[in-house]
Amino acid sequence: MATIKSFEELEIWKEGRKINREIYRLTRHASFSKDYALKDQIRRASISINANIAEGFERDARREMVYFLSIAKGSAGEVLCLLYLALDEKYITQKEFDKVYVMIRIQMQKTARFIQYLQNSTNNGLRSKARF
C-alpha cells in the first residue's frame, strides 16, 4: 500500500467530489433552484465535506485531522437532513434521493472508520499508508 501524500488521494475526498457533483446536479432542477435558501445551504454543506477533509489533511497532525473529519461527517449528516426536506418538498424524486442517500451513508461510514483508525494510531503525522 502506497503512502498517501495529498488529500486528493484519499478515497473519502474522491467520494465527496461525487457527492458535490450530484448535489449541484440536483439543485439545478427548476423547482429546487428557486428555493434559494435550501439550495445554498445544501450546496454549502456539501462543499464543507471535502473542504474539511482537505483542511484537516493539510494541517498534518493526527488530532487536527480527526477534528476536521468529525466536522466533515457532520456536514454529510447536514446534507442528508436537507435532502429529506428536498424530497418532502418534491424538489427531487425518491429515486434521486435514494441514490444520494447511499452515497452519503457510505461517505459517513468511511469517514467514521478513518477517524477510528487515526484515533488508534500511534503516529502523530498523517502521511499514512491507509487507504480511506
C-alpha atoms as a PDB file:
ATOM      1  CA  MET A   1       0.000   0.000   0.000  1.00  0.00           C
ATOM      2  CA  ALA A   2       1.461   3.366  -1.009  1.00  0.00           C
ATOM      3  CA  THR A   3       1.856   6.323   1.299  1.00  0.00           C
ATOM      4  CA  ILE A   4      -0.809   8.993   0.869  1.00  0.00           C
ATOM      5  CA  LYS A   5       0.872  12.280   0.022  1.00  0.00           C
ATOM      6  CA  SER A   6      -2.089  14.549  -0.712  1.00  0.00           C
ATOM      7  CA  PHE A   7      -5.735  14.866   0.260  1.00  0.00           C
ATOM      8  CA  GLU A   8      -6.692  14.238  -3.379  1.00  0.00           C
ATOM      9  CA  GLU A   9      -5.556  10.638  -2.924  1.00  0.00           C
ATOM     10  CA  LEU A  10      -7.972   9.981  -0.056  1.00  0.00           C
ATOM     11  CA  GLU A  11     -10.923   7.828  -1.102  1.00  0.00           C
ATOM     12  CA  ILE A  12     -13.238   9.799   1.184  1.00  0.00           C
ATOM     13  CA  TRP A  13     -12.246  13.006  -0.611  1.00  0.00           C
ATOM     14  CA  LYS A  14     -12.883  11.394  -4.013  1.00  0.00           C
ATOM     15  CA  GLU A  15     -16.281  10.197  -2.809  1.00  0.00           C
ATOM     16  CA  GLY A  16     -17.026  13.694  -1.547  1.00  0.00           C
ATOM     17  CA  ARG A  17     -16.406  15.085  -5.030  1.00  0.00           C
ATOM     18  CA  LYS A  18     -19.030  12.704  -6.389  1.00  0.00           C
ATOM     19  CA  ILE A  19     -21.480  13.881  -3.744  1.00  0.00           C
ATOM     20  CA  ASN A  20     -20.744  17.512  -4.643  1.00  0.00           C
ATOM     21  CA  ARG A  21     -21.412  16.871  -8.319  1.00  0.00           C
ATOM     22  CA  GLU A  22     -24.654  15.100  -7.531  1.00  0.00           C
ATOM     23  CA  ILE A  23     -25.856  17.839  -5.170  1.00  0.00           C
ATOM     24  CA  TYR A  24     -25.094  20.509  -7.757  1.00  0.00           C
ATOM     25  CA  ARG A  25     -26.928  18.472 -10.413  1.00  0.00           C
ATOM     26  CA  LEU A  26     -29.995  18.053  -8.197  1.00  0.00           C
ATOM     27  CA  THR A  27     -30.118  21.696  -7.154  1.00  0.00           C
ATOM     28  CA  ARG A  28     -30.253  22.786 -10.811  1.00  0.00           C
ATOM     29  CA  HIS A  29     -33.786  21.338 -11.085  1.00  0.00           C
ATOM     30  CA  ALA A  30     -36.234  24.142 -11.747  1.00  0.00           C
ATOM     31  CA  SER A  31     -38.238  23.867  -8.521  1.00  0.00           C
ATOM     32  CA  PHE A  32     -35.175  23.216  -6.330  1.00  0.00           C
ATOM     33  CA  SER A  33     -33.197  26.084  -7.805  1.00  0.00           C
ATOM     34  CA  LYS A  34     -35.960  28.549  -6.894  1.00  0.00           C
ATOM     35  CA  ASP A  35     -35.667  27.708  -3.203  1.00  0.00           C
ATOM     36  CA  TYR A  36     -32.558  29.831  -2.825  1.00  0.00           C
ATOM     37  CA  ALA A  37     -32.075  29.265   0.894  1.00  0.00           C
ATOM     38  CA  LEU A  38     -32.267  25.468   0.696  1.00  0.00           C
ATOM     39  CA  LYS A  39     -30.186  25.333  -2.485  1.00  0.00           C
ATOM     40  CA  ASP A  40     -27.474  27.484  -0.941  1.00  0.00           C
ATOM     41  CA  GLN A  41     -27.450  25.595   2.366  1.00  0.00           C
ATOM     42  CA  ILE A  42     -27.252  22.118   0.855  1.00  0.00           C
ATOM     43  CA  ARG A  43     -24.507  23.202  -1.543  1.00  0.00           C
ATOM     44  CA  ARG A  44     -22.513  24.806   1.270  1.00  0.00           C
ATOM     45  CA  ALA A  45     -22.885  21.706   3.457  1.00  0.00           C
ATOM     46  CA  SER A  46     -21.789  19.512   0.560  1.00  0.00           C
ATOM     47  CA  ILE A  47     -18.749  21.701  -0.075  1.00  0.00           C
ATOM     48  CA  SER A  48     -17.926  21.553   3.625  1.00  0.00           C
ATOM     49  CA  ILE A  49     -17.440  17.784   3.485  1.00  0.00           C
ATOM     50  CA  ASN A  50     -14.429  17.949   1.183  1.00  0.00           C
ATOM     51  CA  ALA A  51     -13.152  21.288   2.383  1.00  0.00           C
ATOM     52  CA  ASN A  52     -12.792  19.913   5.907  1.00  0.00           C
ATOM     53  CA  ILE A  53     -11.145  16.695   4.734  1.00  0.00           C
ATOM     54  CA  ALA A  54      -8.607  18.766   2.779  1.00  0.00           C
ATOM     55  CA  GLU A  55      -8.033  21.245   5.580  1.00  0.00           C
ATOM     56  CA  GLY A  56      -7.511  18.539   8.173  1.00  0.00           C
ATOM     57  CA  PHE A  57      -5.090  16.664   5.962  1.00  0.00           C
ATOM     58  CA  GLU A  58      -3.045  19.754   5.217  1.00  0.00           C
ATOM     59  CA  ARG A  59      -2.682  20.511   8.924  1.00  0.00           C
ATOM     60  CA  ASP A  60      -0.549  17.346   9.068  1.00  0.00           C
ATOM     61  CA  ALA A  61      -1.419  16.409  12.631  1.00  0.00           C
ATOM     62  CA  ARG A  62      -3.498  13.399  13.584  1.00  0.00           C
ATOM     63  CA  ARG A  63      -5.535  15.187  16.279  1.00  0.00           C
ATOM     64  CA  GLU A  64      -6.478  18.027  13.936  1.00  0.00           C
ATOM     65  CA  MET A  65      -7.331  15.594  11.145  1.00  0.00           C
ATOM     66  CA  VAL A  66      -9.725  13.783  13.488  1.00  0.00           C
ATOM     67  CA  TYR A  67     -11.311  17.120  14.401  1.00  0.00           C
ATOM     68  CA  PHE A  68     -11.830  18.142  10.763  1.00  0.00           C
ATOM     69  CA  LEU A  69     -13.043  14.675   9.770  1.00  0.00           C
ATOM     70  CA  SER A  70     -15.645  14.975  12.506  1.00  0.00           C
ATOM     71  CA  ILE A  71     -16.816  18.262  11.005  1.00  0.00           C
ATOM     72  CA  ALA A  72     -16.872  16.680   7.537  1.00  0.00           C
ATOM     73  CA  LYS A  73     -19.002  13.814   8.853  1.00  0.00           C
ATOM     74  CA  GLY A  74     -21.357  16.309  10.465  1.00  0.00           C
ATOM     75  CA  SER A  75     -21.644  18.184   7.182  1.00  0.00           C
ATOM     76  CA  ALA A  76     -22.555  14.918   5.452  1.00  0.00           C
ATOM     77  CA  GLY A  77     -25.321  14.490   8.023  1.00  0.00           C
ATOM     78  CA  GLU A  78     -26.500  18.014   7.294  1.00  0.00           C
ATOM     79  CA  VAL A  79     -26.655  17.263   3.559  1.00  0.00           C
ATOM     80  CA  LEU A  80     -28.691  14.161   4.312  1.00  0.00           C
ATOM     81  CA  CYS A  81     -31.110  16.112   6.501  1.00  0.00           C
ATOM     82  CA  LEU A  82     -31.552  18.754   3.813  1.00  0.00           C
ATOM     83  CA  LEU A  83     -32.121  16.051   1.189  1.00  0.00           C
ATOM     84  CA  TYR A  84     -35.078  14.839   3.237  1.00  0.00           C
ATOM     85  CA  LEU A  85     -36.521  18.344   3.070  1.00  0.00           C
ATOM     86  CA  ALA A  86     -35.947  18.455  -0.691  1.00  0.00           C
ATOM     87  CA  LEU A  87     -37.733  15.114  -1.003  1.00  0.00           C
ATOM     88  CA  ASP A  88     -40.625  16.260   1.197  1.00  0.00           C
ATOM     89  CA  GLU A  89     -40.999  19.400  -0.897  1.00  0.00           C
ATOM     90  CA  LYS A  90     -40.896  17.257  -4.057  1.00  0.00           C
ATOM     91  CA  TYR A  91     -37.813  19.047  -5.387  1.00  0.00           C
ATOM     92  CA  ILE A  92     -36.267  15.631  -6.006  1.00  0.00           C
ATOM     93  CA  THR A  93     -37.681  12.175  -6.680  1.00  0.00           C
ATOM     94  CA  GLN A  94     -37.436   9.196  -4.366  1.00  0.00           C
ATOM     95  CA  LYS A  95     -35.011   7.598  -6.827  1.00  0.00           C
ATOM     96  CA  GLU A  96     -32.750  10.676  -6.781  1.00  0.00           C
ATOM     97  CA  PHE A  97     -32.926  10.783  -3.002  1.00  0.00           C
ATOM     98  CA  ASP A  98     -32.070   7.096  -2.684  1.00  0.00           C
ATOM     99  CA  LYS A  99     -29.011   7.436  -4.909  1.00  0.00           C
ATOM    100  CA  VAL A 100     -27.520  10.314  -2.906  1.00  0.00           C
ATOM    101  CA  TYR A 101     -28.616   8.775   0.406  1.00  0.00           C
ATOM    102  CA  VAL A 102     -26.471   5.715  -0.291  1.00  0.00           C
ATOM    103  CA  MET A 103     -23.525   7.869  -1.375  1.00  0.00           C
ATOM    104  CA  ILE A 104     -23.691   9.931   1.817  1.00  0.00           C
ATOM    105  CA  ARG A 105     -24.116   6.939   4.131  1.00  0.00           C
ATOM    106  CA  ILE A 106     -21.055   5.297   2.572  1.00  0.00           C
ATOM    107  CA  GLN A 107     -19.142   8.567   2.958  1.00  0.00           C
ATOM    108  CA  MET A 108     -20.117   8.786   6.617  1.00  0.00           C
ATOM    109  CA  GLN A 109     -19.112   5.163   7.284  1.00  0.00           C
ATOM    110  CA  LYS A 110     -15.728   5.580   5.596  1.00  0.00           C
ATOM    111  CA  THR A 111     -15.112   8.808   7.466  1.00  0.00           C
ATOM    112  CA  ALA A 112     -16.005   7.143  10.772  1.00  0.00           C
ATOM    113  CA  ARG A 113     -13.578   4.296  10.015  1.00  0.00           C
ATOM    114  CA  PHE A 114     -10.823   6.774   9.165  1.00  0.00           C
ATOM    115  CA  ILE A 115     -11.461   8.629  12.430  1.00  0.00           C
ATOM    116  CA  GLN A 116     -11.214   5.348  14.351  1.00  0.00           C
ATOM    117  CA  TYR A 117      -8.022   4.437  12.542  1.00  0.00           C
ATOM    118  CA  LEU A 118      -6.441   7.784  13.374  1.00  0.00           C
ATOM    119  CA  GLN A 119      -7.571   7.660  16.988  1.00  0.00           C
ATOM    120  CA  ASN A 120      -5.969   4.240  17.387  1.00  0.00           C
ATOM    121  CA  SER A 121      -2.791   5.221  15.563  1.00  0.00           C
ATOM    122  CA  THR A 122       0.390   5.974  17.478  1.00  0.00           C
ATOM    123  CA  ASN A 123       1.823   8.010  14.605  1.00  0.00           C
ATOM    124  CA  ASN A 124       1.143  11.748  15.003  1.00  0.00           C
ATOM    125  CA  GLY A 125       1.723  12.537  11.316  1.00  0.00           C
ATOM    126  CA  LEU A 126      -0.800  11.940   8.569  1.00  0.00           C
ATOM    127  CA  ARG A 127       1.194  10.710   5.646  1.00  0.00           C
ATOM    128  CA  SER A 128      -0.335   7.315   6.253  1.00  0.00           C
ATOM    129  CA  LYS A 129      -0.315   4.036   4.385  1.00  0.00           C
ATOM    130  CA  ALA A 130      -4.034   3.609   4.996  1.00  0.00           C
ATOM    131  CA  ARG A 131      -6.490   3.886   2.092  1.00  0.00           C
ATOM    132  CA  PHE A 132      -9.566   5.918   3.031  1.00  0.00           C
END
